Amino acid sequence: MYEGQQQQQQEQQQQQQQQQQQQEQQQQQQQQEKQQQQQQQEQQQQEQQQQQEQQQQQQQQQQQHSKQQIAHESAAQFLQQQQQQQQQQQQQQQQRKNEYQKKTAATSWEANKEELRSHCSSSSSSSSSSSKCSSSKCSSSSSKCSSSSSRSSKCSSSSSSSSRRAMESSSNSSKHSNCSTGSKDDHLSICCSSSNSSSSSNSSSSNSSSSSSSPEKKLLM
């Protein structure tokens, strides 16, 4: 009996030891599982942190890129504004120059025209002719000078009470004409002429002498 009880006790002890071992193993397994879970959680947290950091970096890069774009666009706009302002200033300056040139051209044109008119009005031409016409008074001598061209004058009209025409026969005449060309610019070309002519003719009866002055001015626009 005693031996049998001992055996039973030993078996119970062995069973208890086995149970304890199993419990310990289970505990160890549980602890291992817990550790694994913790490790997994930590890994997940690390991954999340890494993702957050990557997202933050991407956001920072996007912000920097957007800032650079804004700066580039603002610089381009500033340059465009400067170019537009410069073009406007150049156009205004060109308009002012054109207006000034027009005004100066108009004033110089008026001044030159008045000066040349006064100069031409002071020029004179003289001619003298002596002829012997039959019972009539003959007054003639007209000379024209335009752009260095001269014409000869004839005694073709008579002024008398009976309105008879003058007769010319075997006349010898010598004429001389001078044409002086005035000042010339971009707007005005003018020729002021002064001519001197003298003629003599021999006919059958009366004597007449006449002198006329015919200054001619020609404005060429």
C-alpha atoms as a PDB file:
ATOM      1  CA  MET A   1       0.000   0.000   0.000  1.00  0.00           C
ATOM      2  CA  TYR A   2       2.672   2.357   0.838  1.00  0.00           C
ATOM      3  CA  GLU A   3       4.523   1.752  -2.369  1.00  0.00           C
ATOM      4  CA  GLY A   4       1.387   2.208  -4.359  1.00  0.00           C
ATOM      5  CA  GLN A   5       0.724   5.516  -2.739  1.00  0.00           C
ATOM      6  CA  GLN A   6       4.228   6.629  -3.428  1.00  0.00           C
ATOM      7  CA  GLN A   7       3.845   5.779  -7.065  1.00  0.00           C
ATOM      8  CA  GLN A   8       0.622   7.684  -7.261  1.00  0.00           C
ATOM      9  CA  GLN A   9       2.182  10.626  -5.573  1.00  0.00           C
ATOM     10  CA  GLN A  10       5.088  10.515  -7.950  1.00  0.00           C
ATOM     11  CA  GLU A  11       2.782  10.338 -10.915  1.00  0.00           C
ATOM     12  CA  GLN A  12       0.796  13.259  -9.625  1.00  0.00           C
ATOM     13  CA  GLN A  13       3.947  15.196  -9.091  1.00  0.00           C
ATOM     14  CA  GLN A  14       5.060  14.385 -12.600  1.00  0.00           C
ATOM     15  CA  GLN A  15       1.717  15.465 -13.959  1.00  0.00           C
ATOM     16  CA  GLN A  16       1.897  18.642 -12.002  1.00  0.00           C
ATOM     17  CA  GLN A  17       5.368  19.276 -13.261  1.00  0.00           C
ATOM     18  CA  GLN A  18       4.219  18.649 -16.795  1.00  0.00           C
ATOM     19  CA  GLN A  19       1.319  20.980 -16.301  1.00  0.00           C
ATOM     20  CA  GLN A  20       3.634  23.574 -14.897  1.00  0.00           C
ATOM     21  CA  GLN A  21       5.937  23.161 -17.824  1.00  0.00           C
ATOM     22  CA  GLN A  22       3.045  23.426 -20.207  1.00  0.00           C
ATOM     23  CA  GLN A  23       1.866  26.526 -18.452  1.00  0.00           C
ATOM     24  CA  GLU A  24       5.312  27.957 -18.564  1.00  0.00           C
ATOM     25  CA  GLN A  25       5.538  27.138 -22.240  1.00  0.00           C
ATOM     26  CA  GLN A  26       2.184  28.719 -22.832  1.00  0.00           C
ATOM     27  CA  GLN A  27       3.272  31.761 -20.937  1.00  0.00           C
ATOM     28  CA  GLN A  28       6.451  31.910 -22.906  1.00  0.00           C
ATOM     29  CA  GLN A  29       4.491  31.568 -26.105  1.00  0.00           C
ATOM     30  CA  GLN A  30       2.151  34.263 -24.994  1.00  0.00           C
ATOM     31  CA  GLN A  31       5.046  36.464 -24.094  1.00  0.00           C
ATOM     32  CA  GLN A  32       6.641  35.781 -27.437  1.00  0.00           C
ATOM     33  CA  GLU A  33       3.412  36.582 -29.171  1.00  0.00           C
ATOM     34  CA  LYS A  34       3.138  39.763 -27.183  1.00  0.00           C
ATOM     35  CA  GLN A  35       6.667  40.643 -28.102  1.00  0.00           C
ATOM     36  CA  GLN A  36       5.950  39.922 -31.725  1.00  0.00           C
ATOM     37  CA  GLN A  37       2.853  42.072 -31.572  1.00  0.00           C
ATOM     38  CA  GLN A  38       4.829  44.829 -29.974  1.00  0.00           C
ATOM     39  CA  GLN A  39       7.472  44.534 -32.605  1.00  0.00           C
ATOM     40  CA  GLN A  40       4.855  44.637 -35.318  1.00  0.00           C
ATOM     41  CA  GLN A  41       3.274  47.653 -33.753  1.00  0.00           C
ATOM     42  CA  GLU A  42       6.623  49.338 -33.505  1.00  0.00           C
ATOM     43  CA  GLN A  43       7.337  48.533 -37.146  1.00  0.00           C
ATOM     44  CA  GLN A  44       3.989  49.911 -38.131  1.00  0.00           C
ATOM     45  CA  GLN A  45       4.641  53.033 -36.140  1.00  0.00           C
ATOM     46  CA  GLN A  46       8.010  53.406 -37.763  1.00  0.00           C
ATOM     47  CA  GLU A  47       6.494  52.926 -41.170  1.00  0.00           C
ATOM     48  CA  GLN A  48       3.832  55.475 -40.388  1.00  0.00           C
ATOM     49  CA  GLN A  49       6.467  57.897 -39.203  1.00  0.00           C
ATOM     50  CA  GLN A  50       8.455  57.324 -42.361  1.00  0.00           C
ATOM     51  CA  GLN A  51       5.340  57.892 -44.472  1.00  0.00           C
ATOM     52  CA  GLN A  52       4.579  61.054 -42.569  1.00  0.00           C
ATOM     53  CA  GLU A  53       8.112  62.258 -43.035  1.00  0.00           C
ATOM     54  CA  GLN A  54       7.950  61.474 -46.739  1.00  0.00           C
ATOM     55  CA  GLN A  55       4.673  63.307 -47.008  1.00  0.00           C
ATOM     56  CA  GLN A  56       6.135  66.279 -45.182  1.00  0.00           C
ATOM     57  CA  GLN A  57       9.137  66.261 -47.479  1.00  0.00           C
ATOM     58  CA  GLN A  58       6.885  66.090 -50.529  1.00  0.00           C
ATOM     59  CA  GLN A  59       4.813  68.955 -49.198  1.00  0.00           C
ATOM     60  CA  GLN A  60       7.923  71.001 -48.555  1.00  0.00           C
ATOM     61  CA  GLN A  61       9.204  70.257 -52.040  1.00  0.00           C
ATOM     62  CA  GLN A  62       5.850  71.221 -53.533  1.00  0.00           C
ATOM     63  CA  GLN A  63       5.831  74.432 -51.532  1.00  0.00           C
ATOM     64  CA  GLN A  64       9.340  75.269 -52.646  1.00  0.00           C
ATOM     65  CA  HIS A  65       8.432  74.464 -56.237  1.00  0.00           C
ATOM     66  CA  SER A  66       5.325  76.605 -56.045  1.00  0.00           C
ATOM     67  CA  LYS A  67       7.360  79.426 -54.470  1.00  0.00           C
ATOM     68  CA  GLN A  68       9.896  79.153 -57.265  1.00  0.00           C
ATOM     69  CA  GLN A  69       7.130  79.210 -59.848  1.00  0.00           C
ATOM     70  CA  ILE A  70       5.566  82.249 -58.211  1.00  0.00           C
ATOM     71  CA  ALA A  71       8.926  83.981 -58.064  1.00  0.00           C
ATOM     72  CA  HIS A  72       9.624  83.129 -61.703  1.00  0.00           C
ATOM     73  CA  GLU A  73       6.192  84.310 -62.801  1.00  0.00           C
ATOM     74  CA  SER A  74       6.492  87.504 -60.798  1.00  0.00           C
ATOM     75  CA  ALA A  75       9.936  88.135 -62.293  1.00  0.00           C
ATOM     76  CA  ALA A  76       8.564  87.540 -65.786  1.00  0.00           C
ATOM     77  CA  GLN A  77       5.653  89.868 -65.106  1.00  0.00           C
ATOM     78  CA  PHE A  78       8.031  92.494 -63.755  1.00  0.00           C
ATOM     79  CA  LEU A  79      10.189  92.211 -66.855  1.00  0.00           C
ATOM     80  CA  GLN A  80       7.142  92.484 -69.093  1.00  0.00           C
ATOM     81  CA  GLN A  81       5.980  95.556 -67.215  1.00  0.00           C
ATOM     82  CA  GLN A  82       9.420  97.120 -67.542  1.00  0.00           C
ATOM     83  CA  GLN A  83       9.498  96.363 -71.273  1.00  0.00           C
ATOM     84  CA  GLN A  84       6.019  97.814 -71.729  1.00  0.00           C
ATOM     85  CA  GLN A  85       6.997 100.936 -69.810  1.00  0.00           C
ATOM     86  CA  GLN A  86      10.148 101.320 -71.882  1.00  0.00           C
ATOM     87  CA  GLN A  87       8.170 100.887 -75.105  1.00  0.00           C
ATOM     88  CA  GLN A  88       5.622 103.450 -73.966  1.00  0.00           C
ATOM     89  CA  GLN A  89       8.380 105.889 -73.054  1.00  0.00           C
ATOM     90  CA  GLN A  90      10.051 105.363 -76.421  1.00  0.00           C
ATOM     91  CA  GLN A  91       6.762 105.890 -78.245  1.00  0.00           C
ATOM     92  CA  GLN A  92       6.083 109.058 -76.269  1.00  0.00           C
ATOM     93  CA  GLN A  93       9.578 110.363 -76.996  1.00  0.00           C
ATOM     94  CA  GLN A  94       9.168 109.558 -80.697  1.00  0.00           C
ATOM     95  CA  GLN A  95       5.812 111.321 -80.787  1.00  0.00           C
ATOM     96  CA  ARG A  96       7.331 114.359 -79.078  1.00  0.00           C
ATOM     97  CA  LYS A  97      10.198 114.382 -81.560  1.00  0.00           C
ATOM     98  CA  ASN A  98       7.804 114.122 -84.496  1.00  0.00           C
ATOM     99  CA  GLU A  99       5.640 116.946 -83.140  1.00  0.00           C
ATOM    100  CA  TYR A 100       8.706 119.103 -82.516  1.00  0.00           C
ATOM    101  CA  GLN A 101      10.017 118.427 -86.020  1.00  0.00           C
ATOM    102  CA  LYS A 102       6.629 119.299 -87.507  1.00  0.00           C
ATOM    103  CA  LYS A 103       6.465 122.531 -85.517  1.00  0.00           C
ATOM    104  CA  THR A 104      10.019 123.550 -86.406  1.00  0.00           C
ATOM    105  CA  ALA A 105       9.441 122.664 -90.064  1.00  0.00           C
ATOM    106  CA  ALA A 106       6.245 124.746 -90.149  1.00  0.00           C
ATOM    107  CA  THR A 107       7.877 127.748 -88.469  1.00  0.00           C
ATOM    108  CA  SER A 108      10.969 127.548 -90.676  1.00  0.00           C
ATOM    109  CA  TRP A 109       8.746 127.245 -93.744  1.00  0.00           C
ATOM    110  CA  GLU A 110       6.760 130.339 -92.782  1.00  0.00           C
ATOM    111  CA  ALA A 111       9.917 132.286 -91.915  1.00  0.00           C
ATOM    112  CA  ASN A 112      11.701 131.320 -95.140  1.00  0.00           C
ATOM    113  CA  LYS A 113       8.609 132.076 -97.209  1.00  0.00           C
ATOM    114  CA  GLU A 114       8.204 135.537 -95.684  1.00  0.00           C
ATOM    115  CA  GLU A 115      11.912 136.251 -96.028  1.00  0.00           C
ATOM    116  CA  LEU A 116      12.007 135.146 -99.632  1.00  0.00           C
ATOM    117  CA  ARG A 117       8.856 137.095-100.451  1.00  0.00           C
ATOM    118  CA  SER A 118      10.381 140.257 -99.032  1.00  0.00           C
ATOM    119  CA  HIS A 119      13.608 139.521-100.876  1.00  0.00           C
ATOM    120  CA  CYS A 120      11.807 138.977-104.171  1.00  0.00           C
ATOM    121  CA  SER A 121       9.685 142.072-103.774  1.00  0.00           C
ATOM    122  CA  SER A 122      12.850 144.145-103.482  1.00  0.00           C
ATOM    123  CA  SER A 123      14.336 142.777-106.718  1.00  0.00           C
ATOM    124  CA  SER A 124      13.836 144.929-109.772  1.00  0.00           C
ATOM    125  CA  SER A 125      14.361 144.750-113.486  1.00  0.00           C
ATOM    126  CA  SER A 126      14.872 147.664-115.785  1.00  0.00           C
ATOM    127  CA  SER A 127      14.674 147.877-119.504  1.00  0.00           C
ATOM    128  CA  SER A 128      14.998 150.724-121.948  1.00  0.00           C
ATOM    129  CA  SER A 129      14.121 150.859-125.599  1.00  0.00           C
ATOM    130  CA  SER A 130      14.414 153.561-128.206  1.00  0.00           C
ATOM    131  CA  SER A 131      12.563 153.183-131.457  1.00  0.00           C
ATOM    132  CA  LYS A 132      11.249 155.286-134.283  1.00  0.00           C
ATOM    133  CA  CYS A 133       7.685 154.362-135.033  1.00  0.00           C
ATOM    134  CA  SER A 134       5.367 155.913-137.591  1.00  0.00           C
ATOM    135  CA  SER A 135       3.037 158.462-135.907  1.00  0.00           C
ATOM    136  CA  SER A 136       2.598 156.397-132.735  1.00  0.00           C
ATOM    137  CA  LYS A 137       4.016 156.073-129.265  1.00  0.00           C
ATOM    138  CA  CYS A 138       5.386 152.596-128.603  1.00  0.00           C
ATOM    139  CA  SER A 139       5.847 151.338-125.074  1.00  0.00           C
ATOM    140  CA  SER A 140       7.078 147.827-124.761  1.00  0.00           C
ATOM    141  CA  SER A 141       9.691 145.801-123.175  1.00  0.00           C
ATOM    142  CA  SER A 142       8.712 142.855-121.133  1.00  0.00           C
ATOM    143  CA  SER A 143      11.151 140.305-119.922  1.00  0.00           C
ATOM    144  CA  LYS A 144      10.498 137.075-118.135  1.00  0.00           C
ATOM    145  CA  CYS A 145      12.988 134.864-116.355  1.00  0.00           C
ATOM    146  CA  SER A 146      11.902 131.576-114.873  1.00  0.00           C
ATOM    147  CA  SER A 147      14.374 128.855-113.868  1.00  0.00           C
ATOM    148  CA  SER A 148      17.227 130.262-115.950  1.00  0.00           C
ATOM    149  CA  SER A 149      15.245 130.798-119.187  1.00  0.00           C
ATOM    150  CA  SER A 150      15.096 134.132-121.069  1.00  0.00           C
ATOM    151  CA  ARG A 151      12.705 135.507-123.693  1.00  0.00           C
ATOM    152  CA  SER A 152      13.186 138.399-126.042  1.00  0.00           C
ATOM    153  CA  SER A 153      10.739 141.298-126.037  1.00  0.00           C
ATOM    154  CA  LYS A 154       9.238 143.063-129.000  1.00  0.00           C
ATOM    155  CA  CYS A 155       7.500 146.340-129.393  1.00  0.00           C
ATOM    156  CA  SER A 156       4.140 144.902-130.339  1.00  0.00           C
ATOM    157  CA  SER A 157       1.544 147.204-128.773  1.00  0.00           C
ATOM    158  CA  SER A 158       1.210 150.934-129.228  1.00  0.00           C
ATOM    159  CA  SER A 159      -0.484 153.436-126.961  1.00  0.00           C
ATOM    160  CA  SER A 160      -1.830 156.389-128.906  1.00  0.00           C
ATOM    161  CA  SER A 161      -5.053 158.342-129.308  1.00  0.00           C
ATOM    162  CA  SER A 162      -5.796 156.847-132.739  1.00  0.00           C
ATOM    163  CA  SER A 163      -4.868 153.282-131.615  1.00  0.00           C
ATOM    164  CA  ARG A 164      -2.587 152.540-134.529  1.00  0.00           C
ATOM    165  CA  ARG A 165      -0.086 149.683-134.482  1.00  0.00           C
ATOM    166  CA  ALA A 166       3.614 150.345-134.464  1.00  0.00           C
ATOM    167  CA  MET A 167       5.686 149.462-137.436  1.00  0.00           C
ATOM    168  CA  GLU A 168       9.126 148.005-137.170  1.00  0.00           C
ATOM    169  CA  SER A 169      11.610 147.820-139.944  1.00  0.00           C
ATOM    170  CA  SER A 170      15.260 146.782-140.006  1.00  0.00           C
ATOM    171  CA  SER A 171      15.688 146.914-136.249  1.00  0.00           C
ATOM    172  CA  ASN A 172      18.833 145.941-134.443  1.00  0.00           C
ATOM    173  CA  SER A 173      18.298 144.824-130.882  1.00  0.00           C
ATOM    174  CA  SER A 174      20.541 143.544-128.140  1.00  0.00           C
ATOM    175  CA  LYS A 175      19.136 142.132-124.969  1.00  0.00           C
ATOM    176  CA  HIS A 176      20.640 140.876-121.785  1.00  0.00           C
ATOM    177  CA  SER A 177      18.864 139.039-118.986  1.00  0.00           C
ATOM    178  CA  ASN A 178      20.059 137.881-115.592  1.00  0.00           C
ATOM    179  CA  CYS A 179      18.286 135.265-113.499  1.00  0.00           C
ATOM    180  CA  SER A 180      19.318 134.827-109.915  1.00  0.00           C
ATOM    181  CA  THR A 181      18.196 131.699-108.169  1.00  0.00           C
ATOM    182  CA  GLY A 182      17.201 132.201-104.564  1.00  0.00           C
ATOM    183  CA  SER A 183      17.651 130.010-101.515  1.00  0.00           C
ATOM    184  CA  LYS A 184      16.402 126.482-101.718  1.00  0.00           C
ATOM    185  CA  ASP A 185      15.454 124.083 -98.937  1.00  0.00           C
ATOM    186  CA  ASP A 186      13.368 120.939 -98.494  1.00  0.00           C
ATOM    187  CA  HIS A 187      10.086 122.823 -98.532  1.00  0.00           C
ATOM    188  CA  LEU A 188      10.642 125.765-100.883  1.00  0.00           C
ATOM    189  CA  SER A 189      12.391 126.484-104.154  1.00  0.00           C
ATOM    190  CA  ILE A 190      12.093 129.992-105.439  1.00  0.00           C
ATOM    191  CA  CYS A 191      13.585 131.873-108.386  1.00  0.00           C
ATOM    192  CA  CYS A 192      13.827 135.633-108.181  1.00  0.00           C
ATOM    193  CA  SER A 193      14.605 137.191-111.558  1.00  0.00           C
ATOM    194  CA  SER A 194      15.961 140.576-112.516  1.00  0.00           C
ATOM    195  CA  SER A 195      16.494 141.322-116.176  1.00  0.00           C
ATOM    196  CA  ASN A 196      18.052 144.223-118.018  1.00  0.00           C
ATOM    197  CA  SER A 197      17.246 144.639-121.660  1.00  0.00           C
ATOM    198  CA  SER A 198      17.843 147.368-124.180  1.00  0.00           C
ATOM    199  CA  SER A 199      16.676 147.554-127.767  1.00  0.00           C
ATOM    200  CA  SER A 200      16.976 150.034-130.574  1.00  0.00           C
ATOM    201  CA  SER A 201      15.204 150.128-133.917  1.00  0.00           C
ATOM    202  CA  ASN A 202      15.070 152.522-136.864  1.00  0.00           C
ATOM    203  CA  SER A 203      11.894 153.313-138.672  1.00  0.00           C
ATOM    204  CA  SER A 204      10.360 156.181-140.643  1.00  0.00           C
ATOM    205  CA  SER A 205       8.988 158.821-138.277  1.00  0.00           C
ATOM    206  CA  SER A 206       8.475 159.409-134.570  1.00  0.00           C
ATOM    207  CA  ASN A 207      10.609 158.823-131.513  1.00  0.00           C
ATOM    208  CA  SER A 208       9.465 157.060-128.352  1.00  0.00           C
ATOM    209  CA  SER A 209      11.200 155.843-125.307  1.00  0.00           C
ATOM    210  CA  SER A 210       9.794 153.706-122.546  1.00  0.00           C
ATOM    211  CA  SER A 211      11.017 151.903-119.517  1.00  0.00           C
ATOM    212  CA  SER A 212       9.247 149.210-117.577  1.00  0.00           C
ATOM    213  CA  SER A 213      10.108 147.062-114.654  1.00  0.00           C
ATOM    214  CA  SER A 214       8.629 143.613-114.334  1.00  0.00           C
ATOM    215  CA  PRO A 215      10.071 141.584-111.481  1.00  0.00           C
ATOM    216  CA  GLU A 216       8.738 138.111-111.511  1.00  0.00           C
ATOM    217  CA  LYS A 217       8.842 135.615-108.725  1.00  0.00           C
ATOM    218  CA  LYS A 218       7.903 132.042-109.003  1.00  0.00           C
ATOM    219  CA  LEU A 219       7.313 129.803-105.969  1.00  0.00           C
ATOM    220  CA  LEU A 220       7.956 126.181-106.587  1.00  0.00           C
ATOM    221  CA  MET A 221       6.481 123.951-103.874  1.00  0.00           C
END
